[in-house]
């Protein structure tokens, strides 16, 4: 993660769906 988003953003992926997500709080 970039330092500016640590603790607020979460990246995840679903390999079966070839999809990546970014949860931004």
PDBML (XML) file of the C-alpha atoms, coordinates in Angstrom:
<?xml version="1.0" encoding="UTF-8" ?>
<PDBx:datablock datablockName="MODEL"
   xmlns:PDBx="http://pdbml.pdb.org/schema/pdbx-v50.xsd"
   xmlns:xsi="http://www.w3.org/2001/XMLSchema-instance"
   xsi:schemaLocation="http://pdbml.pdb.org/schema/pdbx-v50.xsd pdbx-v50.xsd">
   <PDBx:atom_siteCategory>
      <PDBx:atom_site id="1">
         <PDBx:B_iso_or_equiv>0.00</PDBx:B_iso_or_equiv>
         <PDBx:Cartn_x>0.000</PDBx:Cartn_x>
         <PDBx:Cartn_y>0.000</PDBx:Cartn_y>
         <PDBx:Cartn_z>0.000</PDBx:Cartn_z>
         <PDBx:auth_asym_id>A</PDBx:auth_asym_id>
         <PDBx:auth_atom_id>CA</PDBx:auth_atom_id>
         <PDBx:auth_comp_id>UNK</PDBx:auth_comp_id>
         <PDBx:auth_seq_id>1</PDBx:auth_seq_id>
         <PDBx:group_PDB>ATOM</PDBx:group_PDB>
         <PDBx:label_alt_id xsi:nil="true" />
         <PDBx:label_asym_id>A</PDBx:label_asym_id>
         <PDBx:label_atom_id>CA</PDBx:label_atom_id>
         <PDBx:label_comp_id>UNK</PDBx:label_comp_id>
         <PDBx:label_entity_id>1</PDBx:label_entity_id>
         <PDBx:label_seq_id>1</PDBx:label_seq_id>
         <PDBx:occupancy>1.00</PDBx:occupancy>
         <PDBx:pdbx_PDB_model_num>1</PDBx:pdbx_PDB_model_num>
         <PDBx:type_symbol>C</PDBx:type_symbol>
      </PDBx:atom_site>
      <PDBx:atom_site id="2">
         <PDBx:B_iso_or_equiv>0.00</PDBx:B_iso_or_equiv>
         <PDBx:Cartn_x>0.935</PDBx:Cartn_x>
         <PDBx:Cartn_y>3.623</PDBx:Cartn_y>
         <PDBx:Cartn_z>-0.454</PDBx:Cartn_z>
         <PDBx:auth_asym_id>A</PDBx:auth_asym_id>
         <PDBx:auth_atom_id>CA</PDBx:auth_atom_id>
         <PDBx:auth_comp_id>UNK</PDBx:auth_comp_id>
         <PDBx:auth_seq_id>2</PDBx:auth_seq_id>
         <PDBx:group_PDB>ATOM</PDBx:group_PDB>
         <PDBx:label_alt_id xsi:nil="true" />
         <PDBx:label_asym_id>A</PDBx:label_asym_id>
         <PDBx:label_atom_id>CA</PDBx:label_atom_id>
         <PDBx:label_comp_id>UNK</PDBx:label_comp_id>
         <PDBx:label_entity_id>1</PDBx:label_entity_id>
         <PDBx:label_seq_id>2</PDBx:label_seq_id>
         <PDBx:occupancy>1.00</PDBx:occupancy>
         <PDBx:pdbx_PDB_model_num>1</PDBx:pdbx_PDB_model_num>
         <PDBx:type_symbol>C</PDBx:type_symbol>
      </PDBx:atom_site>
      <PDBx:atom_site id="3">
         <PDBx:B_iso_or_equiv>0.00</PDBx:B_iso_or_equiv>
         <PDBx:Cartn_x>1.662</PDBx:Cartn_x>
         <PDBx:Cartn_y>5.162</PDBx:Cartn_y>
         <PDBx:Cartn_z>2.942</PDBx:Cartn_z>
         <PDBx:auth_asym_id>A</PDBx:auth_asym_id>
         <PDBx:auth_atom_id>CA</PDBx:auth_atom_id>
         <PDBx:auth_comp_id>UNK</PDBx:auth_comp_id>
         <PDBx:auth_seq_id>3</PDBx:auth_seq_id>
         <PDBx:group_PDB>ATOM</PDBx:group_PDB>
         <PDBx:label_alt_id xsi:nil="true" />
         <PDBx:label_asym_id>A</PDBx:label_asym_id>
         <PDBx:label_atom_id>CA</PDBx:label_atom_id>
         <PDBx:label_comp_id>UNK</PDBx:label_comp_id>
         <PDBx:label_entity_id>1</PDBx:label_entity_id>
         <PDBx:label_seq_id>3</PDBx:label_seq_id>
         <PDBx:occupancy>1.00</PDBx:occupancy>
         <PDBx:pdbx_PDB_model_num>1</PDBx:pdbx_PDB_model_num>
         <PDBx:type_symbol>C</PDBx:type_symbol>
      </PDBx:atom_site>
      <PDBx:atom_site id="4">
         <PDBx:B_iso_or_equiv>0.00</PDBx:B_iso_or_equiv>
         <PDBx:Cartn_x>-1.157</PDBx:Cartn_x>
         <PDBx:Cartn_y>7.658</PDBx:Cartn_y>
         <PDBx:Cartn_z>2.462</PDBx:Cartn_z>
         <PDBx:auth_asym_id>A</PDBx:auth_asym_id>
         <PDBx:auth_atom_id>CA</PDBx:auth_atom_id>
         <PDBx:auth_comp_id>UNK</PDBx:auth_comp_id>
         <PDBx:auth_seq_id>4</PDBx:auth_seq_id>
         <PDBx:group_PDB>ATOM</PDBx:group_PDB>
         <PDBx:label_alt_id xsi:nil="true" />
         <PDBx:label_asym_id>A</PDBx:label_asym_id>
         <PDBx:label_atom_id>CA</PDBx:label_atom_id>
         <PDBx:label_comp_id>UNK</PDBx:label_comp_id>
         <PDBx:label_entity_id>1</PDBx:label_entity_id>
         <PDBx:label_seq_id>4</PDBx:label_seq_id>
         <PDBx:occupancy>1.00</PDBx:occupancy>
         <PDBx:pdbx_PDB_model_num>1</PDBx:pdbx_PDB_model_num>
         <PDBx:type_symbol>C</PDBx:type_symbol>
      </PDBx:atom_site>
      <PDBx:atom_site id="5">
         <PDBx:B_iso_or_equiv>0.00</PDBx:B_iso_or_equiv>
         <PDBx:Cartn_x>-3.835</PDBx:Cartn_x>
         <PDBx:Cartn_y>4.943</PDBx:Cartn_y>
         <PDBx:Cartn_z>2.339</PDBx:Cartn_z>
         <PDBx:auth_asym_id>A</PDBx:auth_asym_id>
         <PDBx:auth_atom_id>CA</PDBx:auth_atom_id>
         <PDBx:auth_comp_id>UNK</PDBx:auth_comp_id>
         <PDBx:auth_seq_id>5</PDBx:auth_seq_id>
         <PDBx:group_PDB>ATOM</PDBx:group_PDB>
         <PDBx:label_alt_id xsi:nil="true" />
         <PDBx:label_asym_id>A</PDBx:label_asym_id>
         <PDBx:label_atom_id>CA</PDBx:label_atom_id>
         <PDBx:label_comp_id>UNK</PDBx:label_comp_id>
         <PDBx:label_entity_id>1</PDBx:label_entity_id>
         <PDBx:label_seq_id>5</PDBx:label_seq_id>
         <PDBx:occupancy>1.00</PDBx:occupancy>
         <PDBx:pdbx_PDB_model_num>1</PDBx:pdbx_PDB_model_num>
         <PDBx:type_symbol>C</PDBx:type_symbol>
      </PDBx:atom_site>
      <PDBx:atom_site id="6">
         <PDBx:B_iso_or_equiv>0.00</PDBx:B_iso_or_equiv>
         <PDBx:Cartn_x>-2.550</PDBx:Cartn_x>
         <PDBx:Cartn_y>2.419</PDBx:Cartn_y>
         <PDBx:Cartn_z>4.874</PDBx:Cartn_z>
         <PDBx:auth_asym_id>A</PDBx:auth_asym_id>
         <PDBx:auth_atom_id>CA</PDBx:auth_atom_id>
         <PDBx:auth_comp_id>UNK</PDBx:auth_comp_id>
         <PDBx:auth_seq_id>6</PDBx:auth_seq_id>
         <PDBx:group_PDB>ATOM</PDBx:group_PDB>
         <PDBx:label_alt_id xsi:nil="true" />
         <PDBx:label_asym_id>A</PDBx:label_asym_id>
         <PDBx:label_atom_id>CA</PDBx:label_atom_id>
         <PDBx:label_comp_id>UNK</PDBx:label_comp_id>
         <PDBx:label_entity_id>1</PDBx:label_entity_id>
         <PDBx:label_seq_id>6</PDBx:label_seq_id>
         <PDBx:occupancy>1.00</PDBx:occupancy>
         <PDBx:pdbx_PDB_model_num>1</PDBx:pdbx_PDB_model_num>
         <PDBx:type_symbol>C</PDBx:type_symbol>
      </PDBx:atom_site>
      <PDBx:atom_site id="7">
         <PDBx:B_iso_or_equiv>0.00</PDBx:B_iso_or_equiv>
         <PDBx:Cartn_x>-5.176</PDBx:Cartn_x>
         <PDBx:Cartn_y>1.606</PDBx:Cartn_y>
         <PDBx:Cartn_z>7.458</PDBx:Cartn_z>
         <PDBx:auth_asym_id>A</PDBx:auth_asym_id>
         <PDBx:auth_atom_id>CA</PDBx:auth_atom_id>
         <PDBx:auth_comp_id>UNK</PDBx:auth_comp_id>
         <PDBx:auth_seq_id>7</PDBx:auth_seq_id>
         <PDBx:group_PDB>ATOM</PDBx:group_PDB>
         <PDBx:label_alt_id xsi:nil="true" />
         <PDBx:label_asym_id>A</PDBx:label_asym_id>
         <PDBx:label_atom_id>CA</PDBx:label_atom_id>
         <PDBx:label_comp_id>UNK</PDBx:label_comp_id>
         <PDBx:label_entity_id>1</PDBx:label_entity_id>
         <PDBx:label_seq_id>7</PDBx:label_seq_id>
         <PDBx:occupancy>1.00</PDBx:occupancy>
         <PDBx:pdbx_PDB_model_num>1</PDBx:pdbx_PDB_model_num>
         <PDBx:type_symbol>C</PDBx:type_symbol>
      </PDBx:atom_site>
      <PDBx:atom_site id="8">
         <PDBx:B_iso_or_equiv>0.00</PDBx:B_iso_or_equiv>
         <PDBx:Cartn_x>-7.978</PDBx:Cartn_x>
         <PDBx:Cartn_y>3.084</PDBx:Cartn_y>
         <PDBx:Cartn_z>5.338</PDBx:Cartn_z>
         <PDBx:auth_asym_id>A</PDBx:auth_asym_id>
         <PDBx:auth_atom_id>CA</PDBx:auth_atom_id>
         <PDBx:auth_comp_id>UNK</PDBx:auth_comp_id>
         <PDBx:auth_seq_id>8</PDBx:auth_seq_id>
         <PDBx:group_PDB>ATOM</PDBx:group_PDB>
         <PDBx:label_alt_id xsi:nil="true" />
         <PDBx:label_asym_id>A</PDBx:label_asym_id>
         <PDBx:label_atom_id>CA</PDBx:label_atom_id>
         <PDBx:label_comp_id>UNK</PDBx:label_comp_id>
         <PDBx:label_entity_id>1</PDBx:label_entity_id>
         <PDBx:label_seq_id>8</PDBx:label_seq_id>
         <PDBx:occupancy>1.00</PDBx:occupancy>
         <PDBx:pdbx_PDB_model_num>1</PDBx:pdbx_PDB_model_num>
         <PDBx:type_symbol>C</PDBx:type_symbol>
      </PDBx:atom_site>
      <PDBx:atom_site id="9">
         <PDBx:B_iso_or_equiv>0.00</PDBx:B_iso_or_equiv>
         <PDBx:Cartn_x>-7.927</PDBx:Cartn_x>
         <PDBx:Cartn_y>1.150</PDBx:Cartn_y>
         <PDBx:Cartn_z>2.059</PDBx:Cartn_z>
         <PDBx:auth_asym_id>A</PDBx:auth_asym_id>
         <PDBx:auth_atom_id>CA</PDBx:auth_atom_id>
         <PDBx:auth_comp_id>UNK</PDBx:auth_comp_id>
         <PDBx:auth_seq_id>9</PDBx:auth_seq_id>
         <PDBx:group_PDB>ATOM</PDBx:group_PDB>
         <PDBx:label_alt_id xsi:nil="true" />
         <PDBx:label_asym_id>A</PDBx:label_asym_id>
         <PDBx:label_atom_id>CA</PDBx:label_atom_id>
         <PDBx:label_comp_id>UNK</PDBx:label_comp_id>
         <PDBx:label_entity_id>1</PDBx:label_entity_id>
         <PDBx:label_seq_id>9</PDBx:label_seq_id>
         <PDBx:occupancy>1.00</PDBx:occupancy>
         <PDBx:pdbx_PDB_model_num>1</PDBx:pdbx_PDB_model_num>
         <PDBx:type_symbol>C</PDBx:type_symbol>
      </PDBx:atom_site>
      <PDBx:atom_site id="10">
         <PDBx:B_iso_or_equiv>0.00</PDBx:B_iso_or_equiv>
         <PDBx:Cartn_x>-8.019</PDBx:Cartn_x>
         <PDBx:Cartn_y>-2.607</PDBx:Cartn_y>
         <PDBx:Cartn_z>1.548</PDBx:Cartn_z>
         <PDBx:auth_asym_id>A</PDBx:auth_asym_id>
         <PDBx:auth_atom_id>CA</PDBx:auth_atom_id>
         <PDBx:auth_comp_id>UNK</PDBx:auth_comp_id>
         <PDBx:auth_seq_id>10</PDBx:auth_seq_id>
         <PDBx:group_PDB>ATOM</PDBx:group_PDB>
         <PDBx:label_alt_id xsi:nil="true" />
         <PDBx:label_asym_id>A</PDBx:label_asym_id>
         <PDBx:label_atom_id>CA</PDBx:label_atom_id>
         <PDBx:label_comp_id>UNK</PDBx:label_comp_id>
         <PDBx:label_entity_id>1</PDBx:label_entity_id>
         <PDBx:label_seq_id>10</PDBx:label_seq_id>
         <PDBx:occupancy>1.00</PDBx:occupancy>
         <PDBx:pdbx_PDB_model_num>1</PDBx:pdbx_PDB_model_num>
         <PDBx:type_symbol>C</PDBx:type_symbol>
      </PDBx:atom_site>
      <PDBx:atom_site id="11">
         <PDBx:B_iso_or_equiv>0.00</PDBx:B_iso_or_equiv>
         <PDBx:Cartn_x>-7.111</PDBx:Cartn_x>
         <PDBx:Cartn_y>-4.368</PDBx:Cartn_y>
         <PDBx:Cartn_z>-1.678</PDBx:Cartn_z>
         <PDBx:auth_asym_id>A</PDBx:auth_asym_id>
         <PDBx:auth_atom_id>CA</PDBx:auth_atom_id>
         <PDBx:auth_comp_id>UNK</PDBx:auth_comp_id>
         <PDBx:auth_seq_id>11</PDBx:auth_seq_id>
         <PDBx:group_PDB>ATOM</PDBx:group_PDB>
         <PDBx:label_alt_id xsi:nil="true" />
         <PDBx:label_asym_id>A</PDBx:label_asym_id>
         <PDBx:label_atom_id>CA</PDBx:label_atom_id>
         <PDBx:label_comp_id>UNK</PDBx:label_comp_id>
         <PDBx:label_entity_id>1</PDBx:label_entity_id>
         <PDBx:label_seq_id>11</PDBx:label_seq_id>
         <PDBx:occupancy>1.00</PDBx:occupancy>
         <PDBx:pdbx_PDB_model_num>1</PDBx:pdbx_PDB_model_num>
         <PDBx:type_symbol>C</PDBx:type_symbol>
      </PDBx:atom_site>
      <PDBx:atom_site id="12">
         <PDBx:B_iso_or_equiv>0.00</PDBx:B_iso_or_equiv>
         <PDBx:Cartn_x>-8.371</PDBx:Cartn_x>
         <PDBx:Cartn_y>-7.895</PDBx:Cartn_y>
         <PDBx:Cartn_z>-2.296</PDBx:Cartn_z>
         <PDBx:auth_asym_id>A</PDBx:auth_asym_id>
         <PDBx:auth_atom_id>CA</PDBx:auth_atom_id>
         <PDBx:auth_comp_id>UNK</PDBx:auth_comp_id>
         <PDBx:auth_seq_id>12</PDBx:auth_seq_id>
         <PDBx:group_PDB>ATOM</PDBx:group_PDB>
         <PDBx:label_alt_id xsi:nil="true" />
         <PDBx:label_asym_id>A</PDBx:label_asym_id>
         <PDBx:label_atom_id>CA</PDBx:label_atom_id>
         <PDBx:label_comp_id>UNK</PDBx:label_comp_id>
         <PDBx:label_entity_id>1</PDBx:label_entity_id>
         <PDBx:label_seq_id>12</PDBx:label_seq_id>
         <PDBx:occupancy>1.00</PDBx:occupancy>
         <PDBx:pdbx_PDB_model_num>1</PDBx:pdbx_PDB_model_num>
         <PDBx:type_symbol>C</PDBx:type_symbol>
      </PDBx:atom_site>
      <PDBx:atom_site id="13">
         <PDBx:B_iso_or_equiv>0.00</PDBx:B_iso_or_equiv>
         <PDBx:Cartn_x>-8.830</PDBx:Cartn_x>
         <PDBx:Cartn_y>-10.273</PDBx:Cartn_y>
         <PDBx:Cartn_z>-5.199</PDBx:Cartn_z>
         <PDBx:auth_asym_id>A</PDBx:auth_asym_id>
         <PDBx:auth_atom_id>CA</PDBx:auth_atom_id>
         <PDBx:auth_comp_id>UNK</PDBx:auth_comp_id>
         <PDBx:auth_seq_id>13</PDBx:auth_seq_id>
         <PDBx:group_PDB>ATOM</PDBx:group_PDB>
         <PDBx:label_alt_id xsi:nil="true" />
         <PDBx:label_asym_id>A</PDBx:label_asym_id>
         <PDBx:label_atom_id>CA</PDBx:label_atom_id>
         <PDBx:label_comp_id>UNK</PDBx:label_comp_id>
         <PDBx:label_entity_id>1</PDBx:label_entity_id>
         <PDBx:label_seq_id>13</PDBx:label_seq_id>
         <PDBx:occupancy>1.00</PDBx:occupancy>
         <PDBx:pdbx_PDB_model_num>1</PDBx:pdbx_PDB_model_num>
         <PDBx:type_symbol>C</PDBx:type_symbol>
      </PDBx:atom_site>
      <PDBx:atom_site id="14">
         <PDBx:B_iso_or_equiv>0.00</PDBx:B_iso_or_equiv>
         <PDBx:Cartn_x>-10.928</PDBx:Cartn_x>
         <PDBx:Cartn_y>-13.205</PDBx:Cartn_y>
         <PDBx:Cartn_z>-6.292</PDBx:Cartn_z>
         <PDBx:auth_asym_id>A</PDBx:auth_asym_id>
         <PDBx:auth_atom_id>CA</PDBx:auth_atom_id>
         <PDBx:auth_comp_id>UNK</PDBx:auth_comp_id>
         <PDBx:auth_seq_id>14</PDBx:auth_seq_id>
         <PDBx:group_PDB>ATOM</PDBx:group_PDB>
         <PDBx:label_alt_id xsi:nil="true" />
         <PDBx:label_asym_id>A</PDBx:label_asym_id>
         <PDBx:label_atom_id>CA</PDBx:label_atom_id>
         <PDBx:label_comp_id>UNK</PDBx:label_comp_id>
         <PDBx:label_entity_id>1</PDBx:label_entity_id>
         <PDBx:label_seq_id>14</PDBx:label_seq_id>
         <PDBx:occupancy>1.00</PDBx:occupancy>
         <PDBx:pdbx_PDB_model_num>1</PDBx:pdbx_PDB_model_num>
         <PDBx:type_symbol>C</PDBx:type_symbol>
      </PDBx:atom_site>
      <PDBx:atom_site id="15">
         <PDBx:B_iso_or_equiv>0.00</PDBx:B_iso_or_equiv>
         <PDBx:Cartn_x>-8.702</PDBx:Cartn_x>
         <PDBx:Cartn_y>-15.409</PDBx:Cartn_y>
         <PDBx:Cartn_z>-8.402</PDBx:Cartn_z>
         <PDBx:auth_asym_id>A</PDBx:auth_asym_id>
         <PDBx:auth_atom_id>CA</PDBx:auth_atom_id>
         <PDBx:auth_comp_id>UNK</PDBx:auth_comp_id>
         <PDBx:auth_seq_id>15</PDBx:auth_seq_id>
         <PDBx:group_PDB>ATOM</PDBx:group_PDB>
         <PDBx:label_alt_id xsi:nil="true" />
         <PDBx:label_asym_id>A</PDBx:label_asym_id>
         <PDBx:label_atom_id>CA</PDBx:label_atom_id>
         <PDBx:label_comp_id>UNK</PDBx:label_comp_id>
         <PDBx:label_entity_id>1</PDBx:label_entity_id>
         <PDBx:label_seq_id>15</PDBx:label_seq_id>
         <PDBx:occupancy>1.00</PDBx:occupancy>
         <PDBx:pdbx_PDB_model_num>1</PDBx:pdbx_PDB_model_num>
         <PDBx:type_symbol>C</PDBx:type_symbol>
      </PDBx:atom_site>
      <PDBx:atom_site id="16">
         <PDBx:B_iso_or_equiv>0.00</PDBx:B_iso_or_equiv>
         <PDBx:Cartn_x>-11.610</PDBx:Cartn_x>
         <PDBx:Cartn_y>-17.535</PDBx:Cartn_y>
         <PDBx:Cartn_z>-9.609</PDBx:Cartn_z>
         <PDBx:auth_asym_id>A</PDBx:auth_asym_id>
         <PDBx:auth_atom_id>CA</PDBx:auth_atom_id>
         <PDBx:auth_comp_id>UNK</PDBx:auth_comp_id>
         <PDBx:auth_seq_id>16</PDBx:auth_seq_id>
         <PDBx:group_PDB>ATOM</PDBx:group_PDB>
         <PDBx:label_alt_id xsi:nil="true" />
         <PDBx:label_asym_id>A</PDBx:label_asym_id>
         <PDBx:label_atom_id>CA</PDBx:label_atom_id>
         <PDBx:label_comp_id>UNK</PDBx:label_comp_id>
         <PDBx:label_entity_id>1</PDBx:label_entity_id>
         <PDBx:label_seq_id>16</PDBx:label_seq_id>
         <PDBx:occupancy>1.00</PDBx:occupancy>
         <PDBx:pdbx_PDB_model_num>1</PDBx:pdbx_PDB_model_num>
         <PDBx:type_symbol>C</PDBx:type_symbol>
      </PDBx:atom_site>
      <PDBx:atom_site id="17">
         <PDBx:B_iso_or_equiv>0.00</PDBx:B_iso_or_equiv>
         <PDBx:Cartn_x>-13.273</PDBx:Cartn_x>
         <PDBx:Cartn_y>-14.433</PDBx:Cartn_y>
         <PDBx:Cartn_z>-11.025</PDBx:Cartn_z>
         <PDBx:auth_asym_id>A</PDBx:auth_asym_id>
         <PDBx:auth_atom_id>CA</PDBx:auth_atom_id>
         <PDBx:auth_comp_id>UNK</PDBx:auth_comp_id>
         <PDBx:auth_seq_id>17</PDBx:auth_seq_id>
         <PDBx:group_PDB>ATOM</PDBx:group_PDB>
         <PDBx:label_alt_id xsi:nil="true" />
         <PDBx:label_asym_id>A</PDBx:label_asym_id>
         <PDBx:label_atom_id>CA</PDBx:label_atom_id>
         <PDBx:label_comp_id>UNK</PDBx:label_comp_id>
         <PDBx:label_entity_id>1</PDBx:label_entity_id>
         <PDBx:label_seq_id>17</PDBx:label_seq_id>
         <PDBx:occupancy>1.00</PDBx:occupancy>
         <PDBx:pdbx_PDB_model_num>1</PDBx:pdbx_PDB_model_num>
         <PDBx:type_symbol>C</PDBx:type_symbol>
      </PDBx:atom_site>
      <PDBx:atom_site id="18">
         <PDBx:B_iso_or_equiv>0.00</PDBx:B_iso_or_equiv>
         <PDBx:Cartn_x>-10.059</PDBx:Cartn_x>
         <PDBx:Cartn_y>-12.658</PDBx:Cartn_y>
         <PDBx:Cartn_z>-12.113</PDBx:Cartn_z>
         <PDBx:auth_asym_id>A</PDBx:auth_asym_id>
         <PDBx:auth_atom_id>CA</PDBx:auth_atom_id>
         <PDBx:auth_comp_id>UNK</PDBx:auth_comp_id>
         <PDBx:auth_seq_id>18</PDBx:auth_seq_id>
         <PDBx:group_PDB>ATOM</PDBx:group_PDB>
         <PDBx:label_alt_id xsi:nil="true" />
         <PDBx:label_asym_id>A</PDBx:label_asym_id>
         <PDBx:label_atom_id>CA</PDBx:label_atom_id>
         <PDBx:label_comp_id>UNK</PDBx:label_comp_id>
         <PDBx:label_entity_id>1</PDBx:label_entity_id>
         <PDBx:label_seq_id>18</PDBx:label_seq_id>
         <PDBx:occupancy>1.00</PDBx:occupancy>
         <PDBx:pdbx_PDB_model_num>1</PDBx:pdbx_PDB_model_num>
         <PDBx:type_symbol>C</PDBx:type_symbol>
      </PDBx:atom_site>
      <PDBx:atom_site id="19">
         <PDBx:B_iso_or_equiv>0.00</PDBx:B_iso_or_equiv>
         <PDBx:Cartn_x>-11.296</PDBx:Cartn_x>
         <PDBx:Cartn_y>-9.647</PDBx:Cartn_y>
         <PDBx:Cartn_z>-10.194</PDBx:Cartn_z>
         <PDBx:auth_asym_id>A</PDBx:auth_asym_id>
         <PDBx:auth_atom_id>CA</PDBx:auth_atom_id>
         <PDBx:auth_comp_id>UNK</PDBx:auth_comp_id>
         <PDBx:auth_seq_id>19</PDBx:auth_seq_id>
         <PDBx:group_PDB>ATOM</PDBx:group_PDB>
         <PDBx:label_alt_id xsi:nil="true" />
         <PDBx:label_asym_id>A</PDBx:label_asym_id>
         <PDBx:label_atom_id>CA</PDBx:label_atom_id>
         <PDBx:label_comp_id>UNK</PDBx:label_comp_id>
         <PDBx:label_entity_id>1</PDBx:label_entity_id>
         <PDBx:label_seq_id>19</PDBx:label_seq_id>
         <PDBx:occupancy>1.00</PDBx:occupancy>
         <PDBx:pdbx_PDB_model_num>1</PDBx:pdbx_PDB_model_num>
         <PDBx:type_symbol>C</PDBx:type_symbol>
      </PDBx:atom_site>
      <PDBx:atom_site id="20">
         <PDBx:B_iso_or_equiv>0.00</PDBx:B_iso_or_equiv>
         <PDBx:Cartn_x>-9.544</PDBx:Cartn_x>
         <PDBx:Cartn_y>-7.170</PDBx:Cartn_y>
         <PDBx:Cartn_z>-7.930</PDBx:Cartn_z>
         <PDBx:auth_asym_id>A</PDBx:auth_asym_id>
         <PDBx:auth_atom_id>CA</PDBx:auth_atom_id>
         <PDBx:auth_comp_id>UNK</PDBx:auth_comp_id>
         <PDBx:auth_seq_id>20</PDBx:auth_seq_id>
         <PDBx:group_PDB>ATOM</PDBx:group_PDB>
         <PDBx:label_alt_id xsi:nil="true" />
         <PDBx:label_asym_id>A</PDBx:label_asym_id>
         <PDBx:label_atom_id>CA</PDBx:label_atom_id>
         <PDBx:label_comp_id>UNK</PDBx:label_comp_id>
         <PDBx:label_entity_id>1</PDBx:label_entity_id>
         <PDBx:label_seq_id>20</PDBx:label_seq_id>
         <PDBx:occupancy>1.00</PDBx:occupancy>
         <PDBx:pdbx_PDB_model_num>1</PDBx:pdbx_PDB_model_num>
         <PDBx:type_symbol>C</PDBx:type_symbol>
      </PDBx:atom_site>
      <PDBx:atom_site id="21">
         <PDBx:B_iso_or_equiv>0.00</PDBx:B_iso_or_equiv>
         <PDBx:Cartn_x>-11.279</PDBx:Cartn_x>
         <PDBx:Cartn_y>-4.919</PDBx:Cartn_y>
         <PDBx:Cartn_z>-5.435</PDBx:Cartn_z>
         <PDBx:auth_asym_id>A</PDBx:auth_asym_id>
         <PDBx:auth_atom_id>CA</PDBx:auth_atom_id>
         <PDBx:auth_comp_id>UNK</PDBx:auth_comp_id>
         <PDBx:auth_seq_id>21</PDBx:auth_seq_id>
         <PDBx:group_PDB>ATOM</PDBx:group_PDB>
         <PDBx:label_alt_id xsi:nil="true" />
         <PDBx:label_asym_id>A</PDBx:label_asym_id>
         <PDBx:label_atom_id>CA</PDBx:label_atom_id>
         <PDBx:label_comp_id>UNK</PDBx:label_comp_id>
         <PDBx:label_entity_id>1</PDBx:label_entity_id>
         <PDBx:label_seq_id>21</PDBx:label_seq_id>
         <PDBx:occupancy>1.00</PDBx:occupancy>
         <PDBx:pdbx_PDB_model_num>1</PDBx:pdbx_PDB_model_num>
         <PDBx:type_symbol>C</PDBx:type_symbol>
      </PDBx:atom_site>
      <PDBx:atom_site id="22">
         <PDBx:B_iso_or_equiv>0.00</PDBx:B_iso_or_equiv>
         <PDBx:Cartn_x>-10.395</PDBx:Cartn_x>
         <PDBx:Cartn_y>-1.753</PDBx:Cartn_y>
         <PDBx:Cartn_z>-3.569</PDBx:Cartn_z>
         <PDBx:auth_asym_id>A</PDBx:auth_asym_id>
         <PDBx:auth_atom_id>CA</PDBx:auth_atom_id>
         <PDBx:auth_comp_id>UNK</PDBx:auth_comp_id>
         <PDBx:auth_seq_id>22</PDBx:auth_seq_id>
         <PDBx:group_PDB>ATOM</PDBx:group_PDB>
         <PDBx:label_alt_id xsi:nil="true" />
         <PDBx:label_asym_id>A</PDBx:label_asym_id>
         <PDBx:label_atom_id>CA</PDBx:label_atom_id>
         <PDBx:label_comp_id>UNK</PDBx:label_comp_id>
         <PDBx:label_entity_id>1</PDBx:label_entity_id>
         <PDBx:label_seq_id>22</PDBx:label_seq_id>
         <PDBx:occupancy>1.00</PDBx:occupancy>
         <PDBx:pdbx_PDB_model_num>1</PDBx:pdbx_PDB_model_num>
         <PDBx:type_symbol>C</PDBx:type_symbol>
      </PDBx:atom_site>
      <PDBx:atom_site id="23">
         <PDBx:B_iso_or_equiv>0.00</PDBx:B_iso_or_equiv>
         <PDBx:Cartn_x>-12.356</PDBx:Cartn_x>
         <PDBx:Cartn_y>-0.999</PDBx:Cartn_y>
         <PDBx:Cartn_z>-0.433</PDBx:Cartn_z>
         <PDBx:auth_asym_id>A</PDBx:auth_asym_id>
         <PDBx:auth_atom_id>CA</PDBx:auth_atom_id>
         <PDBx:auth_comp_id>UNK</PDBx:auth_comp_id>
         <PDBx:auth_seq_id>23</PDBx:auth_seq_id>
         <PDBx:group_PDB>ATOM</PDBx:group_PDB>
         <PDBx:label_alt_id xsi:nil="true" />
         <PDBx:label_asym_id>A</PDBx:label_asym_id>
         <PDBx:label_atom_id>CA</PDBx:label_atom_id>
         <PDBx:label_comp_id>UNK</PDBx:label_comp_id>
         <PDBx:label_entity_id>1</PDBx:label_entity_id>
         <PDBx:label_seq_id>23</PDBx:label_seq_id>
         <PDBx:occupancy>1.00</PDBx:occupancy>
         <PDBx:pdbx_PDB_model_num>1</PDBx:pdbx_PDB_model_num>
         <PDBx:type_symbol>C</PDBx:type_symbol>
      </PDBx:atom_site>
      <PDBx:atom_site id="24">
         <PDBx:B_iso_or_equiv>0.00</PDBx:B_iso_or_equiv>
         <PDBx:Cartn_x>-11.864</PDBx:Cartn_x>
         <PDBx:Cartn_y>2.652</PDBx:Cartn_y>
         <PDBx:Cartn_z>0.506</PDBx:Cartn_z>
         <PDBx:auth_asym_id>A</PDBx:auth_asym_id>
         <PDBx:auth_atom_id>CA</PDBx:auth_atom_id>
         <PDBx:auth_comp_id>UNK</PDBx:auth_comp_id>
         <PDBx:auth_seq_id>24</PDBx:auth_seq_id>
         <PDBx:group_PDB>ATOM</PDBx:group_PDB>
         <PDBx:label_alt_id xsi:nil="true" />
         <PDBx:label_asym_id>A</PDBx:label_asym_id>
         <PDBx:label_atom_id>CA</PDBx:label_atom_id>
         <PDBx:label_comp_id>UNK</PDBx:label_comp_id>
         <PDBx:label_entity_id>1</PDBx:label_entity_id>
         <PDBx:label_seq_id>24</PDBx:label_seq_id>
         <PDBx:occupancy>1.00</PDBx:occupancy>
         <PDBx:pdbx_PDB_model_num>1</PDBx:pdbx_PDB_model_num>
         <PDBx:type_symbol>C</PDBx:type_symbol>
      </PDBx:atom_site>
      <PDBx:atom_site id="25">
         <PDBx:B_iso_or_equiv>0.00</PDBx:B_iso_or_equiv>
         <PDBx:Cartn_x>-12.873</PDBx:Cartn_x>
         <PDBx:Cartn_y>3.882</PDBx:Cartn_y>
         <PDBx:Cartn_z>3.948</PDBx:Cartn_z>
         <PDBx:auth_asym_id>A</PDBx:auth_asym_id>
         <PDBx:auth_atom_id>CA</PDBx:auth_atom_id>
         <PDBx:auth_comp_id>UNK</PDBx:auth_comp_id>
         <PDBx:auth_seq_id>25</PDBx:auth_seq_id>
         <PDBx:group_PDB>ATOM</PDBx:group_PDB>
         <PDBx:label_alt_id xsi:nil="true" />
         <PDBx:label_asym_id>A</PDBx:label_asym_id>
         <PDBx:label_atom_id>CA</PDBx:label_atom_id>
         <PDBx:label_comp_id>UNK</PDBx:label_comp_id>
         <PDBx:label_entity_id>1</PDBx:label_entity_id>
         <PDBx:label_seq_id>25</PDBx:label_seq_id>
         <PDBx:occupancy>1.00</PDBx:occupancy>
         <PDBx:pdbx_PDB_model_num>1</PDBx:pdbx_PDB_model_num>
         <PDBx:type_symbol>C</PDBx:type_symbol>
      </PDBx:atom_site>
   </PDBx:atom_siteCategory>
</PDBx:datablock>
